[in-house]
Amino acid sequence: PGTETVHVYARQEVSSRVRPERWLVGFGQVSVDPGE
């Protein structure tokens, strides 16, 4: 069994200012049993 942290990154395709190539916008954790 294990716990995974899910990271969600984002990128804006066209912007009026230079933006990061990607940046963290959200995260969450989920515990999952083997084979599940």
PDB file of all heavy atoms in Angstrom:
ATOM      1  N   PRO A   1       0.844  -1.201   0.000  1.00  0.00           N
ATOM      2  CA  PRO A   1       0.000   0.000   0.000  1.00  0.00           C
ATOM      3  C   PRO A   1       0.876   1.246   0.000  1.00  0.00           C
ATOM      4  O   PRO A   1       2.022   1.226   0.480  1.00  0.00           O
ATOM      5  CB  PRO A   1      -0.797  -0.125   1.304  1.00  0.00           C
ATOM      6  CG  PRO A   1       0.031  -1.006   2.179  1.00  0.00           C
ATOM      7  CD  PRO A   1       0.744  -1.957   1.264  1.00  0.00           C
ATOM      8  N   GLY A   2       0.355   2.322  -0.536  1.00  0.00           N
ATOM      9  CA  GLY A   2       1.128   3.558  -0.586  1.00  0.00           C
ATOM     10  C   GLY A   2       0.244   4.765  -0.767  1.00  0.00           C
ATOM     11  O   GLY A   2      -0.936   4.658  -1.117  1.00  0.00           O
ATOM     12  N   THR A   3       0.836   5.932  -0.512  1.00  0.00           N
ATOM     13  CA  THR A   3       0.140   7.207  -0.677  1.00  0.00           C
ATOM     14  C   THR A   3       0.852   8.019  -1.744  1.00  0.00           C
ATOM     15  O   THR A   3       2.069   8.213  -1.679  1.00  0.00           O
ATOM     16  CB  THR A   3       0.118   7.993   0.647  1.00  0.00           C
ATOM     17  OG1 THR A   3      -0.596   7.231   1.627  1.00  0.00           O
ATOM     18  CG2 THR A   3      -0.558   9.347   0.465  1.00  0.00           C
ATOM     19  N   GLU A   4       0.097   8.472  -2.727  1.00  0.00           N
ATOM     20  CA  GLU A   4       0.656   9.267  -3.811  1.00  0.00           C
ATOM     21  C   GLU A   4       0.169  10.710  -3.703  1.00  0.00           C
ATOM     22  O   GLU A   4      -1.017  10.961  -3.419  1.00  0.00           O
ATOM     23  CB  GLU A   4       0.242   8.679  -5.168  1.00  0.00           C
ATOM     24  CG  GLU A   4       0.656   9.502  -6.376  1.00  0.00           C
ATOM     25  CD  GLU A   4       2.149   9.488  -6.662  1.00  0.00           C
ATOM     26  OE1 GLU A   4       2.931   9.342  -5.709  1.00  0.00           O
ATOM     27  OE2 GLU A   4       2.519   9.635  -7.838  1.00  0.00           O
ATOM     28  N   THR A   5       1.096  11.645  -3.906  1.00  0.00           N
ATOM     29  CA  THR A   5       0.735  13.058  -3.994  1.00  0.00           C
ATOM     30  C   THR A   5       0.592  13.416  -5.465  1.00  0.00           C
ATOM     31  O   THR A   5       1.535  13.243  -6.253  1.00  0.00           O
ATOM     32  CB  THR A   5       1.800  13.954  -3.341  1.00  0.00           C
ATOM     33  OG1 THR A   5       1.896  13.626  -1.950  1.00  0.00           O
ATOM     34  CG2 THR A   5       1.433  15.421  -3.473  1.00  0.00           C
ATOM     35  N   VAL A   6      -0.576  13.856  -5.840  1.00  0.00           N
ATOM     36  CA  VAL A   6      -0.874  14.214  -7.226  1.00  0.00           C
ATOM     37  C   VAL A   6      -0.659  15.715  -7.395  1.00  0.00           C
ATOM     38  O   VAL A   6      -1.296  16.528  -6.715  1.00  0.00           O
ATOM     39  CB  VAL A   6      -2.320  13.829  -7.591  1.00  0.00           C
ATOM     40  CG1 VAL A   6      -2.647  14.275  -9.010  1.00  0.00           C
ATOM     41  CG2 VAL A   6      -2.520  12.327  -7.433  1.00  0.00           C
ATOM     42  N   HIS A   7       0.266  16.076  -8.292  1.00  0.00           N
ATOM     43  CA  HIS A   7       0.562  17.477  -8.561  1.00  0.00           C
ATOM     44  C   HIS A   7      -0.087  17.891  -9.871  1.00  0.00           C
ATOM     45  O   HIS A   7       0.006  17.168 -10.872  1.00  0.00           O
ATOM     46  CB  HIS A   7       2.071  17.704  -8.675  1.00  0.00           C
ATOM     47  CG  HIS A   7       2.839  17.271  -7.466  1.00  0.00           C
ATOM     48  ND1 HIS A   7       3.536  16.080  -7.403  1.00  0.00           N
ATOM     49  CD2 HIS A   7       3.008  17.863  -6.270  1.00  0.00           C
ATOM     50  CE1 HIS A   7       4.113  15.963  -6.229  1.00  0.00           C
ATOM     51  NE2 HIS A   7       3.801  17.029  -5.514  1.00  0.00           N
ATOM     52  N   VAL A   8      -0.721  19.048  -9.855  1.00  0.00           N
ATOM     53  CA  VAL A   8      -1.332  19.592 -11.067  1.00  0.00           C
ATOM     54  C   VAL A   8      -0.596  20.873 -11.436  1.00  0.00           C
ATOM     55  O   VAL A   8      -0.530  21.822 -10.636  1.00  0.00           O
ATOM     56  CB  VAL A   8      -2.823  19.889 -10.871  1.00  0.00           C
ATOM     57  CG1 VAL A   8      -3.434  20.395 -12.184  1.00  0.00           C
ATOM     58  CG2 VAL A   8      -3.566  18.651 -10.378  1.00  0.00           C
ATOM     59  N   TYR A   9      -0.026  20.887 -12.631  1.00  0.00           N
ATOM     60  CA  TYR A   9       0.688  22.059 -13.145  1.00  0.00           C
ATOM     61  C   TYR A   9      -0.114  22.663 -14.290  1.00  0.00           C
ATOM     62  O   TYR A   9      -0.953  21.989 -14.909  1.00  0.00           O
ATOM     63  CB  TYR A   9       2.076  21.666 -13.644  1.00  0.00           C
ATOM     64  CG  TYR A   9       2.967  21.089 -12.575  1.00  0.00           C
ATOM     65  CD1 TYR A   9       3.038  19.702 -12.370  1.00  0.00           C
ATOM     66  CD2 TYR A   9       3.744  21.908 -11.766  1.00  0.00           C
ATOM     67  CE1 TYR A   9       3.854  19.166 -11.392  1.00  0.00           C
ATOM     68  CE2 TYR A   9       4.566  21.382 -10.784  1.00  0.00           C
ATOM     69  CZ  TYR A   9       4.616  20.008 -10.596  1.00  0.00           C
ATOM     70  OH  TYR A   9       5.415  19.486  -9.623  1.00  0.00           O
ATOM     71  N   ALA A  10       0.159  23.929 -14.576  1.00  0.00           N
ATOM     72  CA  ALA A  10      -0.570  24.598 -15.653  1.00  0.00           C
ATOM     73  C   ALA A  10       0.386  25.398 -16.516  1.00  0.00           C
ATOM     74  O   ALA A  10       1.491  25.767 -16.094  1.00  0.00           O
ATOM     75  CB  ALA A  10      -1.646  25.517 -15.081  1.00  0.00           C
ATOM     76  N   ARG A  11      -0.066  25.661 -17.727  1.00  0.00           N
ATOM     77  CA  ARG A  11       0.638  26.566 -18.633  1.00  0.00           C
ATOM     78  C   ARG A  11      -0.392  27.367 -19.412  1.00  0.00           C
ATOM     79  O   ARG A  11      -1.399  26.814 -19.874  1.00  0.00           O
ATOM     80  CB  ARG A  11       1.530  25.793 -19.604  1.00  0.00           C
ATOM     81  CG  ARG A  11       2.327  26.726 -20.540  1.00  0.00           C
ATOM     82  CD  ARG A  11       3.304  25.957 -21.402  1.00  0.00           C
ATOM     83  NE  ARG A  11       2.634  25.186 -22.428  1.00  0.00           N
ATOM     84  CZ  ARG A  11       2.971  23.934 -22.750  1.00  0.00           C
ATOM     85  NH1 ARG A  11       3.927  23.313 -22.081  1.00  0.00           N
ATOM     86  NH2 ARG A  11       2.328  23.303 -23.713  1.00  0.00           N
ATOM     87  N   GLN A  12      -0.148  28.656 -19.547  1.00  0.00           N
ATOM     88  CA  GLN A  12      -0.998  29.506 -20.380  1.00  0.00           C
ATOM     89  C   GLN A  12      -0.390  29.547 -21.774  1.00  0.00           C
ATOM     90  O   GLN A  12       0.790  29.877 -21.943  1.00  0.00           O
ATOM     91  CB  GLN A  12      -1.082  30.914 -19.778  1.00  0.00           C
ATOM     92  CG  GLN A  12      -2.042  31.833 -20.504  1.00  0.00           C
ATOM     93  CD  GLN A  12      -2.145  33.197 -19.836  1.00  0.00           C
ATOM     94  OE1 GLN A  12      -1.508  33.450 -18.814  1.00  0.00           O
ATOM     95  NE2 GLN A  12      -2.945  34.085 -20.407  1.00  0.00           N
ATOM     96  N   GLU A  13      -1.185  29.220 -22.774  1.00  0.00           N
ATOM     97  CA  GLU A  13      -0.635  29.086 -24.120  1.00  0.00           C
ATOM     98  C   GLU A  13      -0.223  30.426 -24.724  1.00  0.00           C
ATOM     99  O   GLU A  13       0.828  30.527 -25.359  1.00  0.00           O
ATOM    100  CB  GLU A  13      -1.637  28.367 -25.031  1.00  0.00           C
ATOM    101  CG  GLU A  13      -1.886  26.918 -24.630  1.00  0.00           C
ATOM    102  CD  GLU A  13      -0.634  26.065 -24.730  1.00  0.00           C
ATOM    103  OE1 GLU A  13      -0.299  25.610 -25.829  1.00  0.00           O
ATOM    104  OE2 GLU A  13       0.022  25.859 -23.692  1.00  0.00           O
ATOM    105  N   VAL A  14      -1.038  31.440 -24.555  1.00  0.00           N
ATOM    106  CA  VAL A  14      -0.710  32.786 -25.055  1.00  0.00           C
ATOM    107  C   VAL A  14      -1.089  33.782 -23.973  1.00  0.00           C
ATOM    108  O   VAL A  14      -2.208  33.741 -23.454  1.00  0.00           O
ATOM    109  CB  VAL A  14      -1.472  33.120 -26.366  1.00  0.00           C
ATOM    110  CG1 VAL A  14      -1.108  34.529 -26.833  1.00  0.00           C
ATOM    111  CG2 VAL A  14      -1.141  32.104 -27.455  1.00  0.00           C
ATOM    112  N   SER A  15      -0.165  34.662 -23.622  1.00  0.00           N
ATOM    113  CA  SER A  15      -0.420  35.593 -22.522  1.00  0.00           C
ATOM    114  C   SER A  15       0.115  36.969 -22.855  1.00  0.00           C
ATOM    115  O   SER A  15       0.973  37.136 -23.731  1.00  0.00           O
ATOM    116  CB  SER A  15       0.252  35.085 -21.236  1.00  0.00           C
ATOM    117  OG  SER A  15       1.626  34.836 -21.465  1.00  0.00           O
ATOM    118  N   SER A  16      -0.381  37.975 -22.146  1.00  0.00           N
ATOM    119  CA  SER A  16       0.052  39.350 -22.382  1.00  0.00           C
ATOM    120  C   SER A  16       1.383  39.659 -21.711  1.00  0.00           C
ATOM    121  O   SER A  16       2.032  40.644 -22.048  1.00  0.00           O
ATOM    122  CB  SER A  16      -1.008  40.335 -21.875  1.00  0.00           C
ATOM    123  OG  SER A  16      -1.163  40.220 -20.464  1.00  0.00           O
ATOM    124  N   ARG A  17       1.776  38.852 -20.762  1.00  0.00           N
ATOM    125  CA  ARG A  17       3.082  38.954 -20.105  1.00  0.00           C
ATOM    126  C   ARG A  17       3.750  37.587 -20.150  1.00  0.00           C
ATOM    127  O   ARG A  17       3.077  36.559 -20.235  1.00  0.00           O
ATOM    128  CB  ARG A  17       2.931  39.395 -18.642  1.00  0.00           C
ATOM    129  CG  ARG A  17       2.457  40.828 -18.445  1.00  0.00           C
ATOM    130  CD  ARG A  17       3.559  41.835 -18.765  1.00  0.00           C
ATOM    131  NE  ARG A  17       3.129  43.198 -18.590  1.00  0.00           N
ATOM    132  CZ  ARG A  17       3.647  44.059 -17.705  1.00  0.00           C
ATOM    133  NH1 ARG A  17       4.629  43.666 -16.907  1.00  0.00           N
ATOM    134  NH2 ARG A  17       3.210  45.292 -17.625  1.00  0.00           N
ATOM    135  N   VAL A  18       5.069  37.580 -20.034  1.00  0.00           N
ATOM    136  CA  VAL A  18       5.789  36.310 -20.028  1.00  0.00           C
ATOM    137  C   VAL A  18       5.412  35.535 -18.773  1.00  0.00           C
ATOM    138  O   VAL A  18       5.518  36.040 -17.654  1.00  0.00           O
ATOM    139  CB  VAL A  18       7.312  36.536 -20.084  1.00  0.00           C
ATOM    140  CG1 VAL A  18       8.045  35.200 -19.986  1.00  0.00           C
ATOM    141  CG2 VAL A  18       7.693  37.261 -21.373  1.00  0.00           C
ATOM    142  N   ARG A  19       4.955  34.305 -18.972  1.00  0.00           N
ATOM    143  CA  ARG A  19       4.527  33.455 -17.863  1.00  0.00           C
ATOM    144  C   ARG A  19       5.494  32.284 -17.706  1.00  0.00           C
ATOM    145  O   ARG A  19       6.277  31.983 -18.610  1.00  0.00           O
ATOM    146  CB  ARG A  19       3.114  32.899 -18.115  1.00  0.00           C
ATOM    147  CG  ARG A  19       2.015  33.906 -18.373  1.00  0.00           C
ATOM    148  CD  ARG A  19       1.679  34.783 -17.175  1.00  0.00           C
ATOM    149  NE  ARG A  19       1.516  34.053 -15.935  1.00  0.00           N
ATOM    150  CZ  ARG A  19       0.382  33.420 -15.563  1.00  0.00           C
ATOM    151  NH1 ARG A  19      -0.671  33.404 -16.372  1.00  0.00           N
ATOM    152  NH2 ARG A  19       0.304  32.821 -14.390  1.00  0.00           N
ATOM    153  N   PRO A  20       5.413  31.577 -16.585  1.00  0.00           N
ATOM    154  CA  PRO A  20       6.245  30.377 -16.430  1.00  0.00           C
ATOM    155  C   PRO A  20       5.895  29.315 -17.465  1.00  0.00           C
ATOM    156  O   PRO A  20       4.768  29.233 -17.954  1.00  0.00           O
ATOM    157  CB  PRO A  20       5.896  29.904 -15.015  1.00  0.00           C
ATOM    158  CG  PRO A  20       5.384  31.113 -14.308  1.00  0.00           C
ATOM    159  CD  PRO A  20       4.665  31.904 -15.354  1.00  0.00           C
ATOM    160  N   GLU A  21       6.895  28.486 -17.776  1.00  0.00           N
ATOM    161  CA  GLU A  21       6.645  27.352 -18.663  1.00  0.00           C
ATOM    162  C   GLU A  21       5.584  26.427 -18.066  1.00  0.00           C
ATOM    163  O   GLU A  21       4.794  25.820 -18.773  1.00  0.00           O
ATOM    164  CB  GLU A  21       7.937  26.576 -18.901  1.00  0.00           C
ATOM    165  CG  GLU A  21       8.948  27.301 -19.758  1.00  0.00           C
ATOM    166  CD  GLU A  21       8.620  27.225 -21.240  1.00  0.00           C
ATOM    167  OE1 GLU A  21       7.583  26.631 -21.605  1.00  0.00           O
ATOM    168  OE2 GLU A  21       9.404  27.773 -22.036  1.00  0.00           O
ATOM    169  N   ARG A  22       5.591  26.319 -16.750  1.00  0.00           N
ATOM    170  CA  ARG A  22       4.539  25.630 -16.017  1.00  0.00           C
ATOM    171  C   ARG A  22       4.653  26.065 -14.563  1.00  0.00           C
ATOM    172  O   ARG A  22       5.709  26.479 -14.095  1.00  0.00           O
ATOM    173  CB  ARG A  22       4.648  24.107 -16.132  1.00  0.00           C
ATOM    174  CG  ARG A  22       5.903  23.530 -15.524  1.00  0.00           C
ATOM    175  CD  ARG A  22       5.868  22.024 -15.420  1.00  0.00           C
ATOM    176  NE  ARG A  22       7.004  21.525 -14.667  1.00  0.00           N
ATOM    177  CZ  ARG A  22       7.029  20.386 -13.985  1.00  0.00           C
ATOM    178  NH1 ARG A  22       5.954  19.618 -13.963  1.00  0.00           N
ATOM    179  NH2 ARG A  22       8.098  20.007 -13.325  1.00  0.00           N
ATOM    180  N   TRP A  23       3.544  25.967 -13.865  1.00  0.00           N
ATOM    181  CA  TRP A  23       3.579  26.297 -12.444  1.00  0.00           C
ATOM    182  C   TRP A  23       2.539  25.446 -11.716  1.00  0.00           C
ATOM    183  O   TRP A  23       1.567  24.975 -12.310  1.00  0.00           O
ATOM    184  CB  TRP A  23       3.351  27.789 -12.198  1.00  0.00           C
ATOM    185  CG  TRP A  23       1.960  28.293 -12.476  1.00  0.00           C
ATOM    186  CD1 TRP A  23       0.957  28.473 -11.566  1.00  0.00           C
ATOM    187  CD2 TRP A  23       1.412  28.697 -13.746  1.00  0.00           C
ATOM    188  NE1 TRP A  23      -0.177  28.961 -12.176  1.00  0.00           N
ATOM    189  CE2 TRP A  23       0.078  29.112 -13.511  1.00  0.00           C
ATOM    190  CE3 TRP A  23       1.920  28.752 -15.047  1.00  0.00           C
ATOM    191  CZ2 TRP A  23      -0.747  29.564 -14.536  1.00  0.00           C
ATOM    192  CZ3 TRP A  23       1.096  29.205 -16.071  1.00  0.00           C
ATOM    193  CH2 TRP A  23      -0.214  29.597 -15.808  1.00  0.00           C
ATOM    194  N   LEU A  24       2.770  25.227 -10.420  1.00  0.00           N
ATOM    195  CA  LEU A  24       1.875  24.406  -9.613  1.00  0.00           C
ATOM    196  C   LEU A  24       0.579  25.159  -9.346  1.00  0.00           C
ATOM    197  O   LEU A  24       0.595  26.280  -8.845  1.00  0.00           O
ATOM    198  CB  LEU A  24       2.547  24.054  -8.286  1.00  0.00           C
ATOM    199  CG  LEU A  24       1.772  23.110  -7.371  1.00  0.00           C
ATOM    200  CD1 LEU A  24       1.812  21.687  -7.916  1.00  0.00           C
ATOM    201  CD2 LEU A  24       2.348  23.157  -5.946  1.00  0.00           C
ATOM    202  N   VAL A  25      -0.560  24.523  -9.668  1.00  0.00           N
ATOM    203  CA  VAL A  25      -1.855  25.156  -9.433  1.00  0.00           C
ATOM    204  C   VAL A  25      -2.730  24.367  -8.456  1.00  0.00           C
ATOM    205  O   VAL A  25      -3.752  24.869  -7.989  1.00  0.00           O
ATOM    206  CB  VAL A  25      -2.633  25.375 -10.750  1.00  0.00           C
ATOM    207  CG1 VAL A  25      -1.929  26.409 -11.620  1.00  0.00           C
ATOM    208  CG2 VAL A  25      -2.820  24.058 -11.512  1.00  0.00           C
ATOM    209  N   GLY A  26      -2.333  23.140  -8.135  1.00  0.00           N
ATOM    210  CA  GLY A  26      -3.131  22.359  -7.193  1.00  0.00           C
ATOM    211  C   GLY A  26      -2.447  21.046  -6.877  1.00  0.00           C
ATOM    212  O   GLY A  26      -1.538  20.603  -7.589  1.00  0.00           O
ATOM    213  N   PHE A  27      -2.883  20.411  -5.783  1.00  0.00           N
ATOM    214  CA  PHE A  27      -2.344  19.110  -5.414  1.00  0.00           C
ATOM    215  C   PHE A  27      -3.320  18.417  -4.477  1.00  0.00           C
ATOM    216  O   PHE A  27      -4.183  19.030  -3.856  1.00  0.00           O
ATOM    217  CB  PHE A  27      -0.958  19.231  -4.770  1.00  0.00           C
ATOM    218  CG  PHE A  27      -0.922  20.047  -3.499  1.00  0.00           C
ATOM    219  CD1 PHE A  27      -1.112  19.454  -2.252  1.00  0.00           C
ATOM    220  CD2 PHE A  27      -0.682  21.412  -3.549  1.00  0.00           C
ATOM    221  CE1 PHE A  27      -1.069  20.206  -1.085  1.00  0.00           C
ATOM    222  CE2 PHE A  27      -0.637  22.170  -2.391  1.00  0.00           C
ATOM    223  CZ  PHE A  27      -0.836  21.573  -1.150  1.00  0.00           C
ATOM    224  N   GLY A  28      -3.153  17.120  -4.372  1.00  0.00           N
ATOM    225  CA  GLY A  28      -3.961  16.321  -3.456  1.00  0.00           C
ATOM    226  C   GLY A  28      -3.279  14.994  -3.221  1.00  0.00           C
ATOM    227  O   GLY A  28      -2.320  14.639  -3.915  1.00  0.00           O
ATOM    228  N   GLN A  29      -3.755  14.243  -2.237  1.00  0.00           N
ATOM    229  CA  GLN A  29      -3.149  12.958  -1.906  1.00  0.00           C
ATOM    230  C   GLN A  29      -4.201  11.857  -1.926  1.00  0.00           C
ATOM    231  O   GLN A  29      -5.363  12.093  -1.595  1.00  0.00           O
ATOM    232  CB  GLN A  29      -2.484  13.014  -0.528  1.00  0.00           C
ATOM    233  CG  GLN A  29      -1.227  13.873  -0.491  1.00  0.00           C
ATOM    234  CD  GLN A  29      -0.531  13.834   0.850  1.00  0.00           C
ATOM    235  OE1 GLN A  29      -1.170  13.770   1.892  1.00  0.00           O
ATOM    236  NE2 GLN A  29       0.794  13.886   0.830  1.00  0.00           N
ATOM    237  N   VAL A  30      -3.750  10.671  -2.312  1.00  0.00           N
ATOM    238  CA  VAL A  30      -4.646   9.532  -2.347  1.00  0.00           C
ATOM    239  C   VAL A  30      -3.873   8.289  -1.903  1.00  0.00           C
ATOM    240  O   VAL A  30      -2.723   8.085  -2.292  1.00  0.00           O
ATOM    241  CB  VAL A  30      -5.242   9.342  -3.765  1.00  0.00           C
ATOM    242  CG1 VAL A  30      -4.160   9.116  -4.802  1.00  0.00           C
ATOM    243  CG2 VAL A  30      -6.261   8.227  -3.780  1.00  0.00           C
ATOM    244  N   SER A  31      -4.479   7.477  -1.039  1.00  0.00           N
ATOM    245  CA  SER A  31      -3.881   6.227  -0.581  1.00  0.00           C
ATOM    246  C   SER A  31      -4.524   5.066  -1.334  1.00  0.00           C
ATOM    247  O   SER A  31      -5.758   4.999  -1.449  1.00  0.00           O
ATOM    248  CB  SER A  31      -4.079   6.053   0.926  1.00  0.00           C
ATOM    249  OG  SER A  31      -3.404   7.075   1.636  1.00  0.00           O
ATOM    250  N   VAL A  32      -3.673   4.162  -1.848  1.00  0.00           N
ATOM    251  CA  VAL A  32      -4.165   3.100  -2.716  1.00  0.00           C
ATOM    252  C   VAL A  32      -3.528   1.779  -2.300  1.00  0.00           C
ATOM    253  O   VAL A  32      -2.317   1.696  -2.081  1.00  0.00           O
ATOM    254  CB  VAL A  32      -3.829   3.383  -4.195  1.00  0.00           C
ATOM    255  CG1 VAL A  32      -4.584   2.415  -5.105  1.00  0.00           C
ATOM    256  CG2 VAL A  32      -4.142   4.822  -4.577  1.00  0.00           C
ATOM    257  N   ASP A  33      -4.340   0.735  -2.190  1.00  0.00           N
ATOM    258  CA  ASP A  33      -3.844  -0.598  -1.879  1.00  0.00           C
ATOM    259  C   ASP A  33      -3.261  -1.252  -3.131  1.00  0.00           C
ATOM    260  O   ASP A  33      -3.584  -0.871  -4.266  1.00  0.00           O
ATOM    261  CB  ASP A  33      -4.976  -1.468  -1.335  1.00  0.00           C
ATOM    262  CG  ASP A  33      -5.393  -1.052   0.066  1.00  0.00           C
ATOM    263  OD1 ASP A  33      -4.513  -0.577   0.820  1.00  0.00           O
ATOM    264  OD2 ASP A  33      -6.589  -1.202   0.400  1.00  0.00           O
ATOM    265  N   PRO A  34      -2.418  -2.268  -2.964  1.00  0.00           N
ATOM    266  CA  PRO A  34      -1.819  -2.953  -4.125  1.00  0.00           C
ATOM    267  C   PRO A  34      -2.886  -3.509  -5.063  1.00  0.00           C
ATOM    268  O   PRO A  34      -3.890  -4.078  -4.626  1.00  0.00           O
ATOM    269  CB  PRO A  34      -1.014  -4.091  -3.485  1.00  0.00           C
ATOM    270  CG  PRO A  34      -0.777  -3.664  -2.075  1.00  0.00           C
ATOM    271  CD  PRO A  34      -1.953  -2.835  -1.685  1.00  0.00           C
ATOM    272  N   GLY A  35      -2.662  -3.283  -6.349  1.00  0.00           N
ATOM    273  CA  GLY A  35      -3.594  -3.793  -7.343  1.00  0.00           C
ATOM    274  C   GLY A  35      -4.885  -3.015  -7.463  1.00  0.00           C
ATOM    275  O   GLY A  35      -5.745  -3.352  -8.279  1.00  0.00           O
ATOM    276  N   GLU A  36      -5.040  -1.992  -6.670  1.00  0.00           N
ATOM    277  CA  GLU A  36      -6.264  -1.201  -6.685  1.00  0.00           C
ATOM    278  C   GLU A  36      -6.031   0.135  -7.383  1.00  0.00           C
ATOM    279  O   GLU A  36      -4.894   0.560  -7.618  1.00  0.00           O
ATOM    280  CB  GLU A  36      -6.762  -0.947  -5.258  1.00  0.00           C
ATOM    281  CG  GLU A  36      -7.079  -2.198  -4.465  1.00  0.00           C
ATOM    282  CD  GLU A  36      -8.255  -2.956  -5.034  1.00  0.00           C
ATOM    283  OE1 GLU A  36      -9.194  -2.294  -5.527  1.00  0.00           O
ATOM    284  OE2 GLU A  36      -8.238  -4.201  -5.009  1.00  0.00           O
TER     285      GLU A  36
END
